[in-house]
Amino acid sequence: MSASFSPPPPLPQELLEIIFRYLVTESPRSLSACAQAHRGLTSIAQSVLYHTVRLTSGKRLLSFNRTLEAFPHLAVLVRQLLIAQPSPLAFQRGQLQRKKSTPIDLERLNMVFPNLIALAVRCARLHLTTSANKGHGGMVAAPRGVNTFIARCASTLRVLELDYDADGLTTHKPYDRSRNVCLPALHTLVLNHIELCTDHVFRACVRAAPNIDRLVLWTGFTAQHVGNLHITDEGVEYDGGRSRTQLNTAVIEGWRALRKIELVMYARDPLGGLRESAGAKEEALLGVLHCNDEREVEVVVLQIPRVPGSHGRTPMRPPLLAFNIPSN
């Protein structure tokens, strides 16, 4: 008498999502293959595959746009989006050379993302890789059409990261209000360049995104810099030979819902070297800002492990902070 064979029970959806989240980091092509392997895997695999999208060149944007035109339902799955303009120039062997890269033009991205909650936008920067210019760079350009794109996402966007001075957002235009961006749903703002930590930028952002409750600032500080930071009645002051206010309470309290400010830096080991990715983030309370309306705003120093770049070197650009995604 032959024994009847019954197929094994299907894996729970929760377990499949864990497996697919691992694949999207380690082997995106394998995850794409899973999405096409069986009808029962398609929806789960696609939800993980398109949860976070990286557009780092004009070529990738056009390919992504063609995919969305063929399968419009995928736009609903996008929750986090990185838009990084590639740099057209780079120093190689002491000479300035043009790189083969297609700039990003967001005016070609026609699809609306109704569930997009986190957006990170990075401008193109000129990376200087010579020994004489190590660690320095200059802004080239932001992605074309980025302000219009951000405005289209205003009703759902909760987290926004910028590393450049965005016209109409970090810079207010009192004489041309049509260029100003309004983000009433935004609650977390990440400013990922030290040049953006100014009263002028903060005032413009208060107008553009009045409901911020969490402000994240990339500082690039060392332990010595942190030791020179002090909380005063005026705000956060840096005492490094000549005192100057880094965060002015009178400006910051314009955000009526603000509860926390995070000053982010790379973690360092006891010998002073950068600590590579091996552990959790370390948070230490620097102090509390007391606002005129009796609110208290926590100021913390957040140390994060670095993720080594190519050849194990320290990444020249600050890490991506808006969501959990590897940084270039």
Protein backbone atom coordinates (compact mmCIF):
# COMPACT_ATOMS: atom_id res chain seq x y z
CA MET A 1 0.00 0.00 0.00
CA SER A 2 1.59 3.25 -1.12
CA ALA A 3 1.67 6.12 1.31
CA SER A 4 -0.03 9.28 0.14
CA PHE A 5 2.20 12.38 -0.13
CA SER A 6 1.03 15.72 1.16
CA PRO A 7 3.00 18.92 0.49
CA PRO A 8 4.59 20.66 3.47
CA PRO A 9 2.62 23.55 4.96
CA PRO A 10 3.53 27.00 3.59
CA LEU A 11 5.92 29.18 5.55
CA PRO A 12 4.22 31.92 7.61
CA GLN A 13 4.24 35.34 5.94
CA GLU A 14 6.18 36.81 8.89
CA LEU A 15 9.01 34.33 8.33
CA LEU A 16 9.07 34.99 4.59
CA GLU A 17 9.34 38.73 5.24
CA ILE A 18 12.37 38.15 7.51
CA ILE A 19 14.04 36.04 4.82
CA PHE A 20 13.26 38.55 2.09
CA ARG A 21 14.52 41.50 4.16
CA TYR A 22 17.83 39.66 4.45
CA LEU A 23 17.91 39.01 0.70
CA VAL A 24 17.19 42.64 -0.21
CA THR A 25 20.44 43.61 1.55
CA GLU A 26 22.63 40.66 0.66
CA SER A 27 21.32 39.63 -2.76
CA PRO A 28 18.67 41.85 -4.40
CA ARG A 29 18.79 39.75 -7.58
CA SER A 30 17.82 36.67 -5.59
CA LEU A 31 14.86 38.55 -4.17
CA SER A 32 13.81 39.60 -7.67
CA ALA A 33 14.00 35.94 -8.69
CA CYS A 34 11.77 35.00 -5.74
CA ALA A 35 9.19 37.54 -6.87
CA GLN A 36 8.98 35.75 -10.23
CA ALA A 37 9.36 32.17 -9.00
CA HIS A 38 5.85 31.60 -7.65
CA ARG A 39 2.62 33.55 -7.61
CA GLY A 40 2.35 33.10 -3.83
CA LEU A 41 5.71 34.82 -3.29
CA THR A 42 5.22 37.74 -5.65
CA SER A 43 3.31 40.18 -3.41
CA ILE A 44 5.51 39.60 -0.34
CA ALA A 45 8.76 39.82 -2.32
CA GLN A 46 7.64 42.98 -4.12
CA SER A 47 6.59 44.68 -0.87
CA VAL A 48 10.12 44.15 0.51
CA LEU A 49 11.92 44.88 -2.77
CA TYR A 50 10.18 48.22 -3.33
CA HIS A 51 9.90 49.33 0.31
CA THR A 52 13.16 51.28 -0.04
CA VAL A 53 14.28 52.55 -3.45
CA ARG A 54 17.66 54.08 -4.32
CA LEU A 55 17.86 56.40 -7.33
CA THR A 56 21.55 57.29 -7.69
CA SER A 57 21.74 58.11 -11.39
CA GLY A 58 19.59 59.28 -14.24
CA LYS A 59 19.85 55.82 -15.79
CA ARG A 60 18.39 54.19 -12.66
CA LEU A 61 15.59 56.74 -12.52
CA LEU A 62 14.56 56.08 -16.14
CA SER A 63 14.66 52.32 -15.57
CA PHE A 64 12.56 52.69 -12.40
CA ASN A 65 10.08 54.94 -14.21
CA ARG A 66 9.65 52.37 -17.01
CA THR A 67 8.98 49.68 -14.40
CA LEU A 68 6.31 51.83 -12.75
CA GLU A 69 4.67 52.59 -16.08
CA ALA A 70 4.42 48.86 -16.75
CA PHE A 71 3.34 47.97 -13.19
CA PRO A 72 1.70 51.06 -11.60
CA HIS A 73 0.71 49.16 -8.43
CA LEU A 74 4.38 49.08 -7.35
CA ALA A 75 4.30 52.83 -6.57
CA VAL A 76 2.03 52.10 -3.59
CA LEU A 77 4.76 49.90 -2.05
CA VAL A 78 7.45 52.62 -1.94
CA ARG A 79 7.87 53.86 1.64
CA GLN A 80 11.45 55.17 1.63
CA LEU A 81 13.24 56.87 -1.25
CA LEU A 82 16.83 57.99 -1.70
CA ILE A 83 17.55 60.45 -4.51
CA ALA A 84 21.28 61.08 -4.92
CA GLN A 85 22.58 63.20 -7.77
CA PRO A 86 25.80 61.69 -9.17
CA SER A 87 28.79 64.00 -9.35
CA PRO A 88 29.83 64.79 -12.94
CA LEU A 89 33.44 65.51 -11.91
CA ALA A 90 36.12 63.90 -9.79
CA PHE A 91 39.82 64.26 -9.11
CA GLN A 92 41.77 61.23 -10.32
CA ARG A 93 45.56 61.11 -10.11
CA GLY A 94 45.70 64.83 -9.45
CA GLN A 95 43.58 65.82 -12.46
CA LEU A 96 39.98 66.96 -12.68
CA GLN A 97 38.12 64.54 -14.97
CA ARG A 98 34.53 64.18 -16.08
CA LYS A 99 32.73 61.05 -14.89
CA LYS A 100 30.37 59.07 -17.09
CA SER A 101 27.10 59.65 -15.25
CA THR A 102 23.62 60.76 -16.24
CA PRO A 103 22.15 63.50 -13.99
CA ILE A 104 18.84 62.89 -12.27
CA ASP A 105 15.82 64.72 -13.67
CA LEU A 106 12.80 64.19 -11.40
CA GLU A 107 10.54 65.85 -13.95
CA ARG A 108 10.74 62.52 -15.81
CA LEU A 109 9.36 60.64 -12.80
CA ASN A 110 5.63 60.99 -13.39
CA MET A 111 4.33 58.54 -10.79
CA VAL A 112 2.87 59.60 -7.43
CA PHE A 113 3.93 57.65 -4.32
CA PRO A 114 0.90 57.77 -1.99
CA ASN A 115 2.61 55.93 0.89
CA LEU A 116 6.04 57.59 0.81
CA ILE A 117 6.98 58.54 4.37
CA ALA A 118 10.78 59.02 4.27
CA LEU A 119 12.78 60.88 1.64
CA ALA A 120 16.53 61.59 1.51
CA VAL A 121 17.88 63.96 -1.15
CA ARG A 122 21.58 64.36 -1.80
CA CYS A 123 23.22 66.83 -4.13
CA ALA A 124 26.18 66.11 -6.37
CA ARG A 125 29.48 66.93 -4.71
CA LEU A 126 32.92 67.24 -6.19
CA HIS A 127 35.03 64.67 -4.35
CA LEU A 128 38.72 65.48 -4.15
CA THR A 129 40.69 62.26 -3.84
CA THR A 130 44.21 63.65 -4.02
CA SER A 131 46.34 63.54 -0.88
CA ALA A 132 46.56 67.33 -0.80
CA ASN A 133 42.78 67.74 -0.88
CA LYS A 134 41.77 64.71 1.17
CA GLY A 135 38.36 64.97 2.79
CA HIS A 136 37.16 68.12 1.05
CA GLY A 137 34.43 68.57 -1.52
CA GLY A 138 32.14 71.14 -3.07
CA MET A 139 28.50 71.10 -4.06
CA VAL A 140 27.78 70.79 -7.76
CA ALA A 141 24.00 70.51 -8.17
CA ALA A 142 20.80 69.16 -6.66
CA PRO A 143 18.54 66.85 -8.68
CA ARG A 144 16.44 68.76 -11.17
CA GLY A 145 12.78 69.16 -10.20
CA VAL A 146 13.36 68.13 -6.57
CA ASN A 147 11.26 70.93 -5.04
CA THR A 148 8.24 70.01 -7.14
CA PHE A 149 8.70 66.36 -6.22
CA ILE A 150 8.91 67.13 -2.49
CA ALA A 151 5.78 69.29 -2.73
CA ARG A 152 3.91 66.38 -4.36
CA CYS A 153 4.78 64.22 -1.33
CA ALA A 154 3.84 66.87 1.26
CA SER A 155 0.70 65.14 2.56
CA THR A 156 2.45 61.85 3.47
CA LEU A 157 6.09 62.78 4.09
CA ARG A 158 7.12 62.28 7.72
CA VAL A 159 10.93 62.20 7.47
CA LEU A 160 13.10 64.37 5.21
CA GLU A 161 16.89 64.43 4.91
CA LEU A 162 18.81 67.11 3.00
CA ASP A 163 22.53 67.73 2.55
CA TYR A 164 22.25 70.95 0.54
CA ASP A 165 20.60 74.37 0.75
CA ALA A 166 17.22 73.69 -0.88
CA ASP A 167 15.78 76.79 -2.51
CA GLY A 168 12.33 77.47 -1.04
CA LEU A 169 12.78 75.04 1.87
CA THR A 170 15.99 75.78 3.75
CA THR A 171 15.96 79.20 2.07
CA HIS A 172 12.71 81.17 2.37
CA LYS A 173 11.60 83.27 -0.62
CA PRO A 174 9.45 86.14 0.71
CA TYR A 175 9.11 87.74 -2.74
CA ASP A 176 8.31 84.55 -4.65
CA ARG A 177 6.08 82.43 -2.43
CA SER A 178 5.31 80.01 -5.26
CA ARG A 179 8.81 78.57 -4.81
CA ASN A 180 8.39 77.94 -1.09
CA VAL A 181 7.68 74.35 -0.02
CA CYS A 182 5.15 73.58 2.76
CA LEU A 183 5.41 70.26 4.62
CA PRO A 184 2.75 70.21 7.36
CA ALA A 185 2.99 66.43 7.97
CA LEU A 186 6.78 66.37 8.44
CA HIS A 187 7.88 65.48 11.99
CA THR A 188 11.59 64.57 11.54
CA LEU A 189 14.06 66.82 9.74
CA VAL A 190 17.62 65.63 9.05
CA LEU A 191 20.18 68.24 7.96
CA ASN A 192 23.17 66.25 6.78
CA HIS A 193 25.75 68.95 6.21
CA ILE A 194 27.46 71.22 8.73
CA GLU A 195 26.84 74.29 6.52
CA LEU A 196 23.09 73.89 7.08
CA CYS A 197 23.37 74.38 10.87
CA THR A 198 22.68 78.12 10.79
CA ASP A 199 19.95 80.40 12.14
CA HIS A 200 19.05 81.39 8.58
CA VAL A 201 18.37 77.77 7.58
CA PHE A 202 16.51 76.96 10.82
CA ARG A 203 14.19 79.97 10.40
CA ALA A 204 13.35 78.95 6.83
CA CYS A 205 12.69 75.35 7.90
CA VAL A 206 10.36 76.52 10.70
CA ARG A 207 8.25 78.23 8.04
CA ALA A 208 8.35 75.25 5.67
CA ALA A 209 7.84 72.48 8.24
CA PRO A 210 6.27 73.97 11.40
CA ASN A 211 5.39 70.65 13.09
CA ILE A 212 8.88 69.17 13.51
CA ASP A 213 9.32 67.29 16.80
CA ARG A 214 12.75 65.76 16.08
CA LEU A 215 15.74 67.59 14.58
CA VAL A 216 18.76 65.54 13.51
CA LEU A 217 22.02 67.32 12.65
CA TRP A 218 25.14 65.72 11.25
CA THR A 219 28.11 67.41 12.93
CA GLY A 220 31.19 65.34 12.14
CA PHE A 221 32.39 66.28 15.63
CA THR A 222 35.22 64.58 17.44
CA ALA A 223 35.22 63.86 21.18
CA GLN A 224 37.18 67.09 21.69
CA HIS A 225 34.51 69.11 19.88
CA VAL A 226 31.78 67.59 22.02
CA GLY A 227 33.71 68.50 25.15
CA ASN A 228 33.56 72.15 24.04
CA LEU A 229 29.75 72.17 23.72
CA HIS A 230 27.74 73.74 26.54
CA ILE A 231 24.07 74.47 27.18
CA THR A 232 23.37 78.11 28.11
CA ASP A 233 20.34 80.37 28.26
CA GLU A 234 21.09 81.38 24.67
CA GLY A 235 21.23 77.82 23.33
CA VAL A 236 23.99 75.35 22.52
CA GLU A 237 27.34 77.12 22.51
CA TYR A 238 30.70 75.94 21.22
CA ASP A 239 33.66 77.13 23.26
CA GLY A 240 36.67 76.35 21.11
CA GLY A 241 38.87 79.38 21.70
CA ARG A 242 36.08 81.84 20.87
CA SER A 243 32.52 81.16 22.04
CA ARG A 244 29.78 81.05 19.43
CA THR A 245 26.20 79.86 19.51
CA GLN A 246 25.57 76.71 17.48
CA LEU A 247 21.84 76.38 18.20
CA ASN A 248 19.96 79.52 19.17
CA THR A 249 17.04 78.78 21.50
CA ALA A 250 15.11 81.83 20.25
CA VAL A 251 15.16 80.35 16.72
CA ILE A 252 14.72 76.67 17.60
CA GLU A 253 11.63 77.28 19.75
CA GLY A 254 9.80 78.34 16.59
CA TRP A 255 9.09 74.63 16.26
CA ARG A 256 6.27 74.40 18.82
CA ALA A 257 6.29 70.58 18.79
CA LEU A 258 10.09 70.13 19.01
CA ARG A 259 11.10 67.72 21.77
CA LYS A 260 14.54 66.43 20.79
CA ILE A 261 17.69 67.52 18.94
CA GLU A 262 20.26 64.88 17.96
CA LEU A 263 23.86 65.87 17.19
CA VAL A 264 25.29 62.95 15.21
CA MET A 265 28.94 61.95 14.91
CA TYR A 266 30.97 58.84 14.22
CA ALA A 267 31.81 56.73 17.27
CA ARG A 268 35.50 56.50 18.16
CA ASP A 269 37.43 53.87 20.04
CA PRO A 270 39.57 54.67 23.13
CA LEU A 271 42.66 55.13 20.92
CA GLY A 272 40.97 57.86 18.92
CA GLY A 273 40.36 55.91 15.73
CA LEU A 274 36.97 55.59 14.08
CA ARG A 275 34.97 52.61 15.29
CA GLU A 276 33.68 50.43 12.47
CA SER A 277 30.19 49.02 12.31
CA ALA A 278 30.05 46.44 15.09
CA GLY A 279 27.54 47.65 17.64
CA ALA A 280 24.55 49.77 18.46
CA LYS A 281 24.29 53.53 18.47
CA GLU A 282 25.41 55.34 21.63
CA GLU A 283 23.34 58.27 22.91
CA ALA A 284 24.39 60.70 25.63
CA LEU A 285 22.41 63.64 26.99
CA LEU A 286 24.21 66.95 26.48
CA GLY A 287 21.58 69.03 28.24
CA VAL A 288 18.16 70.64 27.96
CA LEU A 289 17.12 73.83 26.19
CA HIS A 290 14.48 75.84 28.11
CA CYS A 291 12.06 77.64 25.79
CA ASN A 292 10.05 80.74 26.62
CA ASP A 293 6.80 78.74 26.56
CA GLU A 294 8.24 76.50 29.32
CA ARG A 295 8.92 73.61 26.96
CA GLU A 296 12.09 71.58 27.45
CA VAL A 297 14.00 70.33 24.41
CA GLU A 298 16.51 67.53 24.95
CA VAL A 299 19.86 67.86 23.19
CA VAL A 300 21.71 64.56 22.81
CA VAL A 301 24.97 63.49 21.19
CA LEU A 302 24.43 60.38 19.08
CA GLN A 303 27.48 58.34 18.14
CA ILE A 304 27.04 55.87 15.31
CA PRO A 305 29.48 53.20 14.08
CA ARG A 306 30.94 54.01 10.70
CA VAL A 307 30.32 51.83 7.68
CA PRO A 308 33.66 51.55 5.81
CA GLY A 309 33.70 52.76 2.24
CA SER A 310 35.72 51.28 -0.57
CA HIS A 311 39.07 49.78 0.48
CA GLY A 312 38.05 50.15 4.12
CA ARG A 313 38.43 53.93 4.09
CA THR A 314 36.26 56.33 6.04
CA PRO A 315 33.36 57.47 3.81
CA MET A 316 33.93 60.99 2.49
CA ARG A 317 30.22 61.79 2.68
CA PRO A 318 28.21 61.71 5.92
CA PRO A 319 26.15 58.57 6.45
CA LEU A 320 22.52 58.37 5.44
CA LEU A 321 20.46 59.06 8.56
CA ALA A 322 16.84 59.28 7.39
CA PHE A 323 16.28 55.53 7.26
CA ASN A 324 18.12 52.26 7.65
CA ILE A 325 19.86 51.93 4.30
CA PRO A 326 23.60 51.57 3.46
CA SER A 327 25.25 54.85 2.48
CA ASN A 328 27.46 55.30 -0.59
